[in-house]
């Protein structure tokens, strides 16, 4: 039973850290563009890879 006196405040500290990290990420713009990374995989590259120089 006495372990609860340690675990409950520890859980609340972890929750507060997770909430702070979420709001920091939102403020830093981490969630501004959610569509482009998912669509980028199906886009073709317009550039050809560079040719290897012959020795």
C-alpha atoms as a PDB file:
ATOM      1  CA  UNK A   1       0.000   0.000   0.000  1.00  0.00           C
ATOM      2  CA  UNK A   2       2.833   2.417   0.732  1.00  0.00           C
ATOM      3  CA  UNK A   3       4.144   1.999  -2.829  1.00  0.00           C
ATOM      4  CA  UNK A   4       1.083   3.909  -4.020  1.00  0.00           C
ATOM      5  CA  UNK A   5       2.447   7.011  -2.288  1.00  0.00           C
ATOM      6  CA  UNK A   6       5.360   6.820  -4.701  1.00  0.00           C
ATOM      7  CA  UNK A   7       3.648   5.565  -7.855  1.00  0.00           C
ATOM      8  CA  UNK A   8       0.759   8.035  -7.962  1.00  0.00           C
ATOM      9  CA  UNK A   9       2.956  11.184  -7.896  1.00  0.00           C
ATOM     10  CA  UNK A  10       5.342   9.542 -10.352  1.00  0.00           C
ATOM     11  CA  UNK A  11       2.456   8.799 -12.721  1.00  0.00           C
ATOM     12  CA  UNK A  12       1.237  12.386 -12.406  1.00  0.00           C
ATOM     13  CA  UNK A  13       4.721  13.692 -13.205  1.00  0.00           C
ATOM     14  CA  UNK A  14       4.918  11.486 -16.288  1.00  0.00           C
ATOM     15  CA  UNK A  15       1.476  12.659 -17.386  1.00  0.00           C
ATOM     16  CA  UNK A  16       2.481  16.291 -16.926  1.00  0.00           C
ATOM     17  CA  UNK A  17       5.634  15.663 -18.977  1.00  0.00           C
ATOM     18  CA  UNK A  18       3.658  14.061 -21.793  1.00  0.00           C
ATOM     19  CA  UNK A  19       1.155  16.934 -21.873  1.00  0.00           C
ATOM     20  CA  UNK A  20       3.993  19.463 -21.894  1.00  0.00           C
ATOM     21  CA  UNK A  21       5.761  17.600 -24.748  1.00  0.00           C
ATOM     22  CA  UNK A  22       2.536  17.513 -26.776  1.00  0.00           C
ATOM     23  CA  UNK A  23       1.904  21.242 -26.425  1.00  0.00           C
ATOM     24  CA  UNK A  24       5.557  21.981 -27.163  1.00  0.00           C
ATOM     25  CA  UNK A  25       5.345  19.935 -30.378  1.00  0.00           C
ATOM     26  CA  UNK A  26       2.153  21.700 -31.432  1.00  0.00           C
ATOM     27  CA  UNK A  27       3.726  25.085 -30.757  1.00  0.00           C
ATOM     28  CA  UNK A  28       6.876  24.141 -32.679  1.00  0.00           C
ATOM     29  CA  UNK A  29       4.842  23.238 -35.774  1.00  0.00           C
ATOM     30  CA  UNK A  30       5.355  19.478 -35.743  1.00  0.00           C
ATOM     31  CA  UNK A  31       1.752  18.832 -36.781  1.00  0.00           C
ATOM     32  CA  UNK A  32       1.334  21.560 -39.405  1.00  0.00           C
ATOM     33  CA  UNK A  33       1.515  19.377 -42.517  1.00  0.00           C
ATOM     34  CA  UNK A  34       0.220  15.838 -42.073  1.00  0.00           C
ATOM     35  CA  UNK A  35      -0.657  15.078 -45.713  1.00  0.00           C
ATOM     36  CA  UNK A  36       2.545  15.733 -47.658  1.00  0.00           C
ATOM     37  CA  UNK A  37       4.733  13.015 -46.055  1.00  0.00           C
ATOM     38  CA  UNK A  38       2.079  10.396 -46.779  1.00  0.00           C
ATOM     39  CA  UNK A  39       1.714  11.441 -50.430  1.00  0.00           C
ATOM     40  CA  UNK A  40       5.430  11.938 -51.063  1.00  0.00           C
ATOM     41  CA  UNK A  41       5.997   8.181 -51.331  1.00  0.00           C
ATOM     42  CA  UNK A  42       3.875   7.917 -54.491  1.00  0.00           C
ATOM     43  CA  UNK A  43       5.366  10.955 -56.249  1.00  0.00           C
ATOM     44  CA  UNK A  44       7.893  10.299 -58.981  1.00  0.00           C
ATOM     45  CA  UNK A  45      11.317  11.858 -58.859  1.00  0.00           C
ATOM     46  CA  UNK A  46      11.879  14.198 -61.796  1.00  0.00           C
ATOM     47  CA  UNK A  47      15.655  14.137 -61.503  1.00  0.00           C
ATOM     48  CA  UNK A  48      17.755  11.364 -62.952  1.00  0.00           C
ATOM     49  CA  UNK A  49      20.476   9.998 -60.714  1.00  0.00           C
ATOM     50  CA  UNK A  50      23.947  11.279 -61.642  1.00  0.00           C
ATOM     51  CA  UNK A  51      25.935   9.124 -64.026  1.00  0.00           C
ATOM     52  CA  UNK A  52      28.968   7.386 -62.621  1.00  0.00           C
ATOM     53  CA  UNK A  53      32.184   8.844 -64.049  1.00  0.00           C
ATOM     54  CA  UNK A  54      34.226   6.355 -65.989  1.00  0.00           C
ATOM     55  CA  UNK A  55      37.728   5.753 -64.600  1.00  0.00           C
END
